[in-house]
C-alpha atoms as a PDB file:
ATOM      1  CA  MET A   1      99.688 154.325  83.695  1.00  0.00           C
ATOM      2  CA  THR A   2      97.120 156.906  83.000  1.00  0.00           C
ATOM      3  CA  SER A   3      95.030 155.630  85.916  1.00  0.00           C
ATOM      4  CA  LYS A   4      97.988 156.167  88.292  1.00  0.00           C
ATOM      5  CA  LEU A   5      98.461 159.640  86.902  1.00  0.00           C
ATOM      6  CA  MET A   6      94.768 160.328  87.306  1.00  0.00           C
ATOM      7  CA  CYS A   7      94.878 159.221  90.998  1.00  0.00           C
ATOM      8  CA  LEU A   8      97.882 161.466  91.691  1.00  0.00           C
ATOM      9  CA  LEU A   9      96.146 164.401  90.055  1.00  0.00           C
ATOM     10  CA  LEU A  10      92.998 163.795  92.111  1.00  0.00           C
ATOM     11  CA  LEU A  11      95.048 163.557  95.322  1.00  0.00           C
ATOM     12  CA  ALA A  12      96.757 166.871  94.502  1.00  0.00           C
ATOM     13  CA  VAL A  13      93.378 168.574  93.975  1.00  0.00           C
ATOM     14  CA  VAL A  14      92.042 167.245  97.329  1.00  0.00           C
ATOM     15  CA  ILE A  15      95.145 168.400  99.231  1.00  0.00           C
ATOM     16  CA  THR A  16      94.923 171.833  97.629  1.00  0.00           C
ATOM     17  CA  ALA A  17      91.236 172.140  98.448  1.00  0.00           C
ATOM     18  CA  CYS A  18      91.772 171.100 102.067  1.00  0.00           C
ATOM     19  CA  SER A  19      94.555 173.576 102.615  1.00  0.00           C
ATOM     20  CA  ALA A  20      92.254 176.427 101.494  1.00  0.00           C
ATOM     21  CA  ILE A  21      89.903 175.971 104.565  1.00  0.00           C
ATOM     22  CA  PRO A  22      90.149 178.961 106.969  1.00  0.00           C
ATOM     23  CA  THR A  23      91.913 178.329 110.263  1.00  0.00           C
ATOM     24  CA  THR A  24      89.268 179.998 112.504  1.00  0.00           C
ATOM     25  CA  SER A  25      87.673 177.822 115.162  1.00  0.00           C
ATOM     26  CA  PRO A  26      84.272 176.471 114.116  1.00  0.00           C
ATOM     27  CA  SER A  27      83.049 176.406 117.723  1.00  0.00           C
ATOM     28  CA  THR A  28      83.106 180.196 118.121  1.00  0.00           C
ATOM     29  CA  THR A  29      81.982 181.649 114.794  1.00  0.00           C
ATOM     30  CA  SER A  30      79.747 180.822 111.906  1.00  0.00           C
ATOM     31  CA  PRO A  31      79.529 181.954 108.290  1.00  0.00           C
ATOM     32  CA  SER A  32      77.344 184.872 109.368  1.00  0.00           C
ATOM     33  CA  SER A  33      80.244 186.396 111.328  1.00  0.00           C
ATOM     34  CA  ALA A  34      81.339 188.144 108.163  1.00  0.00           C
ATOM     35  CA  GLN A  35      78.107 190.170 108.388  1.00  0.00           C
ATOM     36  CA  GLY A  36      78.845 191.323 111.954  1.00  0.00           C
ATOM     37  CA  THR A  37      76.584 188.986 113.935  1.00  0.00           C
ATOM     38  CA  GLU A  38      78.125 186.043 115.709  1.00  0.00           C
ATOM     39  CA  ILE A  39      76.007 182.894 116.149  1.00  0.00           C
ATOM     40  CA  PRO A  40      77.452 180.231 118.418  1.00  0.00           C
ATOM     41  CA  ILE A  41      77.701 176.716 117.088  1.00  0.00           C
ATOM     42  CA  LEU A  42      75.918 174.225 119.360  1.00  0.00           C
ATOM     43  CA  LYS A  43      77.960 171.430 120.838  1.00  0.00           C
ATOM     44  CA  PRO A  44      76.740 168.104 122.241  1.00  0.00           C
ATOM     45  CA  LEU A  45      75.682 168.263 125.900  1.00  0.00           C
ATOM     46  CA  ALA A  46      76.822 165.930 128.634  1.00  0.00           C
ATOM     47  CA  ILE A  47      74.216 163.905 130.525  1.00  0.00           C
ATOM     48  CA  GLY A  48      72.406 166.148 133.019  1.00  0.00           C
ATOM     49  CA  GLU A  49      73.615 169.361 131.298  1.00  0.00           C
ATOM     50  CA  TYR A  50      71.048 171.925 130.137  1.00  0.00           C
ATOM     51  CA  PRO A  51      71.398 174.214 127.102  1.00  0.00           C
ATOM     52  CA  TYR A  52      70.302 177.229 129.195  1.00  0.00           C
ATOM     53  CA  PRO A  53      70.589 178.294 132.826  1.00  0.00           C
ATOM     54  CA  PHE A  54      68.100 176.127 134.726  1.00  0.00           C
ATOM     55  CA  GLU A  55      66.821 177.170 138.125  1.00  0.00           C
ATOM     56  CA  VAL A  56      64.392 175.020 140.096  1.00  0.00           C
ATOM     57  CA  THR A  57      61.625 177.156 141.565  1.00  0.00           C
ATOM     58  CA  GLU A  58      58.162 176.230 142.750  1.00  0.00           C
ATOM     59  CA  PRO A  59      55.309 178.004 141.022  1.00  0.00           C
ATOM     60  CA  PRO A  60      53.386 180.460 143.183  1.00  0.00           C
ATOM     61  CA  LEU A  61      50.314 179.105 144.972  1.00  0.00           C
ATOM     62  CA  PRO A  62      46.948 180.093 143.560  1.00  0.00           C
ATOM     63  CA  GLU A  63      45.266 182.836 145.571  1.00  0.00           C
ATOM     64  CA  TYR A  64      42.501 180.556 146.872  1.00  0.00           C
ATOM     65  CA  LEU A  65      45.133 178.324 148.556  1.00  0.00           C
ATOM     66  CA  GLN A  66      46.689 181.327 150.305  1.00  0.00           C
ATOM     67  CA  THR A  67      43.408 182.424 151.886  1.00  0.00           C
ATOM     68  CA  PRO A  68      43.212 181.747 155.640  1.00  0.00           C
ATOM     69  CA  VAL A  69      40.478 179.407 156.885  1.00  0.00           C
ATOM     70  CA  GLN A  70      37.104 181.073 157.432  1.00  0.00           C
ATOM     71  CA  ILE A  71      35.135 179.575 160.330  1.00  0.00           C
ATOM     72  CA  PRO A  72      31.527 179.112 159.235  1.00  0.00           C
ATOM     73  CA  THR A  73      28.608 179.973 161.492  1.00  0.00           C
ATOM     74  CA  PRO A  74      27.027 176.857 163.008  1.00  0.00           C
ATOM     75  CA  GLY A  75      23.472 176.111 161.985  1.00  0.00           C
ATOM     76  CA  LYS A  76      20.484 175.414 164.194  1.00  0.00           C
ATOM     77  CA  ASP A  77      20.803 171.659 163.583  1.00  0.00           C
ATOM     78  CA  THR A  78      24.515 171.444 162.720  1.00  0.00           C
ATOM     79  CA  GLY A  79      27.863 172.249 164.283  1.00  0.00           C
ATOM     80  CA  VAL A  80      31.344 173.300 163.170  1.00  0.00           C
ATOM     81  CA  VAL A  81      34.658 171.526 163.836  1.00  0.00           C
ATOM     82  CA  THR A  82      37.933 173.499 163.698  1.00  0.00           C
ATOM     83  CA  GLY A  83      41.565 172.782 164.461  1.00  0.00           C
ATOM     84  CA  SER A  84      45.106 172.781 163.166  1.00  0.00           C
ATOM     85  CA  LEU A  85      47.119 169.786 161.918  1.00  0.00           C
ATOM     86  CA  LYS A  86      50.848 169.462 162.625  1.00  0.00           C
ATOM     87  CA  ASN A  87      53.234 166.696 161.590  1.00  0.00           C
ATOM     88  CA  ILE A  88      53.875 164.487 164.623  1.00  0.00           C
ATOM     89  CA  GLU A  89      57.515 163.972 163.561  1.00  0.00           C
ATOM     90  CA  ASP A  90      58.736 167.520 162.942  1.00  0.00           C
ATOM     91  CA  GLY A  91      55.939 169.890 164.031  1.00  0.00           C
ATOM     92  CA  GLU A  92      55.519 171.341 160.529  1.00  0.00           C
ATOM     93  CA  PRO A  93      51.968 172.197 159.387  1.00  0.00           C
ATOM     94  CA  LEU A  94      50.175 169.465 157.444  1.00  0.00           C
ATOM     95  CA  LYS A  95      49.114 171.709 154.600  1.00  0.00           C
ATOM     96  CA  PHE A  96      46.580 170.866 151.909  1.00  0.00           C
ATOM     97  CA  GLN A  97      45.533 167.558 153.517  1.00  0.00           C
ATOM     98  CA  THR A  98      42.008 166.187 153.154  1.00  0.00           C
ATOM     99  CA  ILE A  99      40.383 165.773 156.576  1.00  0.00           C
ATOM    100  CA  TYR A 100      37.303 163.595 157.037  1.00  0.00           C
ATOM    101  CA  LEU A 101      35.011 163.132 159.990  1.00  0.00           C
ATOM    102  CA  GLY A 102      34.322 159.395 160.101  1.00  0.00           C
ATOM    103  CA  LYS A 103      32.094 157.155 162.195  1.00  0.00           C
ATOM    104  CA  LYS A 104      32.971 154.137 164.298  1.00  0.00           C
ATOM    105  CA  VAL A 105      31.076 151.075 163.104  1.00  0.00           C
ATOM    106  CA  TYR A 106      30.889 148.297 165.676  1.00  0.00           C
ATOM    107  CA  LEU A 107      31.321 144.758 164.415  1.00  0.00           C
ATOM    108  CA  THR A 108      29.540 141.624 165.571  1.00  0.00           C
ATOM    109  CA  PRO A 109      30.514 140.394 168.096  1.00  0.00           C
ATOM    110  CA  PRO A 110      31.492 143.567 169.968  1.00  0.00           C
ATOM    111  CA  PRO A 111      33.755 145.274 171.066  1.00  0.00           C
ATOM    112  CA  ASP A 112      35.637 145.293 167.738  1.00  0.00           C
ATOM    113  CA  TYR A 113      34.975 148.137 165.337  1.00  0.00           C
ATOM    114  CA  THR A 114      36.120 149.730 162.113  1.00  0.00           C
ATOM    115  CA  TYR A 115      35.937 153.252 160.668  1.00  0.00           C
ATOM    116  CA  HIS A 116      33.482 154.347 158.043  1.00  0.00           C
ATOM    117  CA  VAL A 117      33.786 157.298 155.686  1.00  0.00           C
ATOM    118  CA  TYR A 118      31.650 158.075 152.649  1.00  0.00           C
ATOM    119  CA  GLN A 119      33.851 159.889 150.171  1.00  0.00           C
ATOM    120  CA  ASN A 120      31.014 162.028 148.791  1.00  0.00           C
ATOM    121  CA  THR A 121      28.822 162.636 151.847  1.00  0.00           C
ATOM    122  CA  SER A 122      30.945 162.456 155.023  1.00  0.00           C
ATOM    123  CA  PRO A 123      31.912 165.878 156.447  1.00  0.00           C
ATOM    124  CA  LYS A 124      35.297 166.877 155.031  1.00  0.00           C
ATOM    125  CA  THR A 125      37.568 169.798 154.225  1.00  0.00           C
ATOM    126  CA  MET A 126      41.163 170.590 153.273  1.00  0.00           C
ATOM    127  CA  SER A 127      43.747 172.114 155.588  1.00  0.00           C
ATOM    128  CA  ASP A 128      45.248 175.423 154.493  1.00  0.00           C
ATOM    129  CA  LEU A 129      48.856 176.601 154.153  1.00  0.00           C
ATOM    130  CA  ASN A 130      49.217 176.680 157.978  1.00  0.00           C
ATOM    131  CA  GLY A 131      47.509 173.320 158.583  1.00  0.00           C
ATOM    132  CA  ASP A 132      44.320 175.028 159.847  1.00  0.00           C
ATOM    133  CA  PHE A 133      40.914 173.611 158.957  1.00  0.00           C
ATOM    134  CA  ALA A 134      37.205 174.197 159.555  1.00  0.00           C
ATOM    135  CA  ILE A 135      34.374 171.813 158.698  1.00  0.00           C
ATOM    136  CA  GLY A 136      30.897 173.355 158.626  1.00  0.00           C
ATOM    137  CA  GLU A 137      27.376 171.901 158.537  1.00  0.00           C
ATOM    138  CA  VAL A 138      28.364 168.826 160.585  1.00  0.00           C
ATOM    139  CA  PRO A 139      25.336 166.855 161.831  1.00  0.00           C
ATOM    140  CA  GLU A 140      25.177 166.165 165.558  1.00  0.00           C
ATOM    141  CA  GLY A 141      27.138 163.073 166.621  1.00  0.00           C
ATOM    142  CA  GLU A 142      30.460 161.571 167.604  1.00  0.00           C
ATOM    143  CA  TYR A 143      33.166 161.461 164.919  1.00  0.00           C
ATOM    144  CA  ILE A 144      36.775 160.388 164.489  1.00  0.00           C
ATOM    145  CA  ILE A 145      39.194 162.663 162.617  1.00  0.00           C
ATOM    146  CA  MET A 146      40.971 161.109 159.628  1.00  0.00           C
ATOM    147  CA  VAL A 147      43.676 162.468 157.312  1.00  0.00           C
ATOM    148  CA  TRP A 148      43.074 160.948 153.884  1.00  0.00           C
ATOM    149  CA  THR A 149      45.126 160.685 150.683  1.00  0.00           C
ATOM    150  CA  PRO A 150      44.852 158.314 147.735  1.00  0.00           C
ATOM    151  CA  PHE A 151      47.787 156.431 149.316  1.00  0.00           C
ATOM    152  CA  GLY A 152      46.150 155.822 152.694  1.00  0.00           C
ATOM    153  CA  ALA A 153      44.020 157.153 155.524  1.00  0.00           C
ATOM    154  CA  TYR A 154      45.257 157.792 159.049  1.00  0.00           C
ATOM    155  CA  VAL A 155      43.207 158.285 162.176  1.00  0.00           C
ATOM    156  CA  VAL A 156      44.325 161.216 164.339  1.00  0.00           C
ATOM    157  CA  MET A 157      45.317 159.814 167.735  1.00  0.00           C
ATOM    158  CA  ASP A 158      45.324 161.410 171.182  1.00  0.00           C
ATOM    159  CA  GLU A 159      47.564 159.680 173.735  1.00  0.00           C
ATOM    160  CA  GLY A 160      47.199 156.277 172.085  1.00  0.00           C
ATOM    161  CA  THR A 161      43.446 156.359 171.369  1.00  0.00           C
ATOM    162  CA  GLU A 162      41.416 157.787 168.519  1.00  0.00           C
ATOM    163  CA  LEU A 163      40.566 161.440 168.927  1.00  0.00           C
ATOM    164  CA  MET A 164      36.783 161.698 169.096  1.00  0.00           C
ATOM    165  CA  ALA A 165      34.908 164.877 168.203  1.00  0.00           C
ATOM    166  CA  ASN A 166      31.496 165.197 169.864  1.00  0.00           C
ATOM    167  CA  VAL A 167      29.624 167.676 167.668  1.00  0.00           C
ATOM    168  CA  LYS A 168      26.602 169.503 169.081  1.00  0.00           C
ATOM    169  CA  PRO A 169      24.196 171.635 167.031  1.00  0.00           C
ATOM    170  CA  GLY A 170      24.714 175.383 167.114  1.00  0.00           C
ATOM    171  CA  GLN A 171      28.283 175.090 168.513  1.00  0.00           C
ATOM    172  CA  VAL A 172      31.853 175.460 167.239  1.00  0.00           C
ATOM    173  CA  LEU A 173      34.108 172.645 168.486  1.00  0.00           C
ATOM    174  CA  ASN A 174      37.749 173.788 168.450  1.00  0.00           C
ATOM    175  CA  LEU A 175      40.043 170.755 168.667  1.00  0.00           C
ATOM    176  CA  GLY A 176      43.184 172.902 168.961  1.00  0.00           C
ATOM    177  CA  VAL A 177      46.502 171.680 167.573  1.00  0.00           C
ATOM    178  CA  LEU A 178      46.367 168.046 166.471  1.00  0.00           C
ATOM    179  CA  GLU A 179      49.462 165.990 165.803  1.00  0.00           C
ATOM    180  CA  ALA A 180      49.117 163.540 162.942  1.00  0.00           C
ATOM    181  CA  ILE A 181      51.211 161.415 160.632  1.00  0.00           C
ATOM    182  CA  ASP A 182      52.025 163.090 157.331  1.00  0.00           C
ATOM    183  CA  PRO A 183      50.637 160.538 154.834  1.00  0.00           C
ATOM    184  CA  MET A 184      52.924 161.836 152.095  1.00  0.00           C
ATOM    185  CA  LYS A 185      56.101 161.228 154.161  1.00  0.00           C
ATOM    186  CA  HIS A 186      55.011 158.189 156.176  1.00  0.00           C
ATOM    187  CA  GLU A 187      56.654 154.924 155.182  1.00  0.00           C
ATOM    188  CA  SER A 188      54.438 151.895 155.359  1.00  0.00           C
ATOM    189  CA  SER A 189      55.544 149.191 157.761  1.00  0.00           C
ATOM    190  CA  GLN A 190      54.743 146.511 155.172  1.00  0.00           C
END
């Protein structure tokens, strides 16, 4: 009988202790509210919710990427190739694209050919914010224009054929506005 009495006494103590808890909402105040500063209690977040206001903004471009293209002076034995790349689908500038001048390499038996670009030594540059580009110190010769990314390379076409740039020493060859496939948006037909 003493064990039943002990259980009843313990139950009475627990009920008394629980009824002494303050009735203020724990989600709005904390123990420090008695000192005058209110600290919010964190609550679990739903999926996709952020604990602070989150605004998606692109970081500003470094100054060197905002600088317009400077056309170099052609050398005695080299030329310069300039132009502007636009997306063939929407007319937007193809900004920050790597542009190579490649060579046609004829296969045996002719007339088949392929394109050849040396990553470290072929003439190349990067288009600017407006899609403009200038390639200096280009040796004399006939070149194709290629837009290159790690995901693929695309030859710039002109009315169904490869656009050829015939570079002459001491001259600036302005190709004008070139329409090309945006390699970053182009879906492979595979």
